[in-house]
Protein backbone atom coordinates (compact mmCIF):
# COMPACT_ATOMS: atom_id res chain seq x y z
CA UNK A 1 -30.03 -15.56 5.63
CA UNK A 2 -26.94 -17.61 6.45
CA UNK A 3 -26.42 -18.40 2.77
CA UNK A 4 -26.25 -14.68 2.01
CA UNK A 5 -23.83 -14.14 4.88
CA UNK A 6 -21.41 -16.84 3.79
CA UNK A 7 -21.73 -16.76 0.01
CA UNK A 8 -18.74 -15.90 -2.11
CA UNK A 9 -18.14 -12.26 -2.87
CA UNK A 10 -15.85 -12.02 -5.91
CA UNK A 11 -15.05 -8.35 -5.35
CA UNK A 12 -14.13 -8.89 -1.70
CA UNK A 13 -12.04 -11.92 -2.70
CA UNK A 14 -10.25 -9.85 -5.34
CA UNK A 15 -9.52 -7.14 -2.75
CA UNK A 16 -8.01 -9.79 -0.49
CA UNK A 17 -5.93 -11.22 -3.34
CA UNK A 18 -4.57 -7.80 -4.29
CA UNK A 19 -3.87 -6.95 -0.67
CA UNK A 20 -2.04 -10.25 -0.16
CA UNK A 21 0.06 -9.48 -3.23
CA UNK A 22 1.03 -6.07 -1.81
CA UNK A 23 1.88 -7.63 1.55
CA UNK A 24 3.97 -10.38 -0.07
CA UNK A 25 5.92 -7.79 -2.05
CA UNK A 26 6.42 -5.63 1.03
CA UNK A 27 7.97 -8.58 2.87
CA UNK A 28 10.77 -8.99 0.35
CA UNK A 29 14.08 -8.87 2.25
CA UNK A 30 15.68 -6.65 -0.40
CA UNK A 31 13.47 -3.76 0.67
CA UNK A 32 15.02 -3.88 4.12
CA UNK A 33 18.57 -4.93 3.23
CA UNK A 34 19.33 -3.13 -0.02
CA UNK A 35 16.90 -0.22 0.27
CA UNK A 36 17.32 0.28 4.01
CA UNK A 37 13.66 0.34 4.99
CA UNK A 38 13.52 0.06 8.78
CA UNK A 39 12.69 -3.48 9.85
CA UNK A 40 10.38 -2.29 12.60
CA UNK A 41 6.62 -2.34 13.07
CA UNK A 42 6.47 1.24 11.78
CA UNK A 43 8.85 0.56 8.89
CA UNK A 44 6.91 -2.48 7.77
CA UNK A 45 3.63 -0.55 8.04
CA UNK A 46 5.09 2.17 5.82
CA UNK A 47 6.40 -0.28 3.22
CA UNK A 48 3.22 -2.29 2.92
CA UNK A 49 1.12 0.89 2.89
CA UNK A 50 3.36 2.17 0.09
CA UNK A 51 2.64 -0.94 -1.99
CA UNK A 52 -1.11 -0.60 -1.40
CA UNK A 53 -0.81 3.06 -2.45
CA UNK A 54 0.97 1.99 -5.64
CA UNK A 55 -1.91 -0.34 -6.50
CA UNK A 56 -4.51 2.30 -5.64
CA UNK A 57 -2.64 4.75 -7.85
CA UNK A 58 -2.71 2.27 -10.74
CA UNK A 59 -6.43 1.71 -10.32
CA UNK A 60 -7.09 5.45 -10.06
CA UNK A 61 -5.38 5.89 -13.43
CA UNK A 62 -7.75 3.28 -14.90
CA UNK A 63 -10.81 5.26 -13.86
CA UNK A 64 -14.31 3.88 -13.55
CA UNK A 65 -13.58 0.23 -14.55
CA UNK A 66 -11.32 -0.15 -11.51
CA UNK A 67 -13.24 1.93 -8.98
CA UNK A 68 -14.94 -0.99 -7.19
CA UNK A 69 -11.74 -3.02 -7.14
CA UNK A 70 -9.86 -0.10 -5.65
CA UNK A 71 -12.51 0.19 -2.93
CA UNK A 72 -12.31 -3.55 -2.23
CA UNK A 73 -8.53 -3.30 -1.85
CA UNK A 74 -8.87 -0.33 0.51
CA UNK A 75 -11.54 -2.13 2.57
CA UNK A 76 -9.27 -5.15 2.93
CA UNK A 77 -6.38 -2.89 3.98
CA UNK A 78 -8.52 -1.30 6.70
CA UNK A 79 -9.77 -4.66 7.97
CA UNK A 80 -6.19 -5.95 8.10
CA UNK A 81 -5.11 -2.92 10.14
CA UNK A 82 -7.98 -3.47 12.55
CA UNK A 83 -7.05 -7.14 12.87
CA UNK A 84 -3.36 -6.31 13.40
CA UNK A 85 -4.18 -3.85 16.18
CA UNK A 86 -6.30 -6.44 17.94
CA UNK A 87 -3.55 -9.06 17.53
CA UNK A 88 -1.07 -6.62 19.07
CA UNK A 89 -3.31 -6.42 22.12
CA UNK A 90 -5.00 -3.08 21.59
CA UNK A 91 -8.23 -3.12 23.58
CA UNK A 92 -11.62 -2.95 21.92
CA UNK A 93 -12.28 0.50 23.36
CA UNK A 94 -9.03 1.88 21.90
CA UNK A 95 -9.20 0.28 18.45
CA UNK A 96 -11.58 2.91 17.08
CA UNK A 97 -9.33 5.79 18.11
CA UNK A 98 -6.23 4.12 16.74
CA UNK A 99 -7.99 3.22 13.49
CA UNK A 100 -9.09 6.83 13.06
CA UNK A 101 -5.50 8.00 13.50
CA UNK A 102 -4.20 5.34 11.10
CA UNK A 103 -6.90 6.23 8.58
CA UNK A 104 -5.97 9.90 8.72
CA UNK A 105 -2.31 8.98 8.36
CA UNK A 106 -3.04 6.75 5.39
CA UNK A 107 -5.12 9.38 3.61
CA UNK A 108 -2.33 11.88 4.25
CA UNK A 109 0.12 9.47 2.65
CA UNK A 110 -2.17 8.93 -0.33
CA UNK A 111 -2.49 12.69 -0.84
CA UNK A 112 1.27 13.21 -0.46
CA UNK A 113 2.01 10.37 -2.87
CA UNK A 114 -0.40 11.82 -5.43
CA UNK A 115 1.39 15.16 -5.20
CA UNK A 116 4.77 13.43 -5.50
CA UNK A 117 3.66 11.32 -8.47
CA UNK A 118 2.23 14.38 -10.22
CA UNK A 119 5.62 16.09 -9.93
CA UNK A 120 7.49 13.28 -11.69
CA UNK A 121 9.97 13.20 -13.38
CA UNK A 122 11.10 15.62 -10.64
CA UNK A 123 11.72 13.09 -7.88
CA UNK A 124 12.25 15.72 -5.19
CA UNK A 125 8.71 15.55 -3.75
CA UNK A 126 8.81 11.73 -3.84
CA UNK A 127 12.12 11.69 -1.95
CA UNK A 128 10.68 14.11 0.61
CA UNK A 129 7.57 11.92 1.00
CA UNK A 130 9.67 8.77 1.52
CA UNK A 131 12.06 10.50 3.93
CA UNK A 132 9.10 11.74 5.97
CA UNK A 133 7.28 8.38 6.07
CA UNK A 134 9.41 5.30 5.46
CA UNK A 135 12.65 6.76 6.79
CA UNK A 136 11.17 9.02 9.50
CA UNK A 137 13.43 7.61 12.20
CA UNK A 138 16.44 6.65 10.05
CA UNK A 139 19.66 8.56 9.55
CA UNK A 140 21.57 8.48 6.25
CA UNK A 141 18.72 6.58 4.63
CA UNK A 142 19.03 5.56 0.97
CA UNK A 143 16.03 7.67 -0.02
CA UNK A 144 17.23 7.99 -3.62
CA UNK A 145 17.31 4.20 -4.04
CA UNK A 146 13.79 3.74 -2.67
CA UNK A 147 12.52 6.62 -4.81
CA UNK A 148 13.99 4.84 -7.84
CA UNK A 149 12.28 1.61 -6.82
CA UNK A 150 8.91 3.35 -6.35
CA UNK A 151 9.17 5.18 -9.67
CA UNK A 152 10.15 1.98 -11.46
CA UNK A 153 7.44 -0.04 -9.72
CA UNK A 154 4.81 2.56 -10.58
CA UNK A 155 5.79 2.50 -14.27
CA UNK A 156 5.85 -1.30 -14.22
CA UNK A 157 2.32 -1.43 -12.77
CA UNK A 158 1.11 1.13 -15.32
CA UNK A 159 2.38 -1.07 -18.14
CA UNK A 160 0.45 -4.12 -16.95
CA UNK A 161 -2.86 -4.88 -18.62
CA UNK A 162 -5.76 -3.69 -16.49
CA UNK A 163 -7.58 -6.95 -17.19
CA UNK A 164 -4.82 -8.94 -15.46
CA UNK A 165 -4.84 -6.63 -12.45
CA UNK A 166 -8.62 -6.84 -12.23
CA UNK A 167 -8.20 -10.60 -11.97
CA UNK A 168 -5.71 -10.22 -9.11
CA UNK A 169 -2.60 -10.95 -11.14
CA UNK A 170 0.02 -8.41 -10.13
CA UNK A 171 3.56 -8.66 -11.47
CA UNK A 172 5.83 -6.83 -9.04
CA UNK A 173 9.39 -5.86 -9.93
CA UNK A 174 12.20 -7.22 -7.83
CA UNK A 175 13.52 -4.50 -5.51
């Protein structure tokens, strides 16, 4: 029984690798300096969620071959949120409520991003989405610059071979 519990799970490991890649990209200082993303807990949550959404979008475009990988990435994202809440001192009794709210917020962002991506090349809905999420508390935010980054990053991910992505090799553009 213990062997089953601790044995390697390639799909779970791939989800962790992809998640780590999204987190690493979301920590790039240029996103906060040049693109004006708020360097706050909320701002960082929005930026790293945005990068996870970009990967999920890429896998959704690939269809069935990437379905399990997409789920593994999402599962890792949820586990990381749970862990972060506990690290921030949220009590065990409150974690479930907070996770439900974060899950609803994330699914809302996924749906809004899908609508925004479907409207491209009209970047209006994407700018509105970013203004409402990433820049919710910022004035005079460079929404246009971040929209350009997201559009460029999305195209860059779409051009990458699915096989490389399914092995956890993500080539992110410099912000």
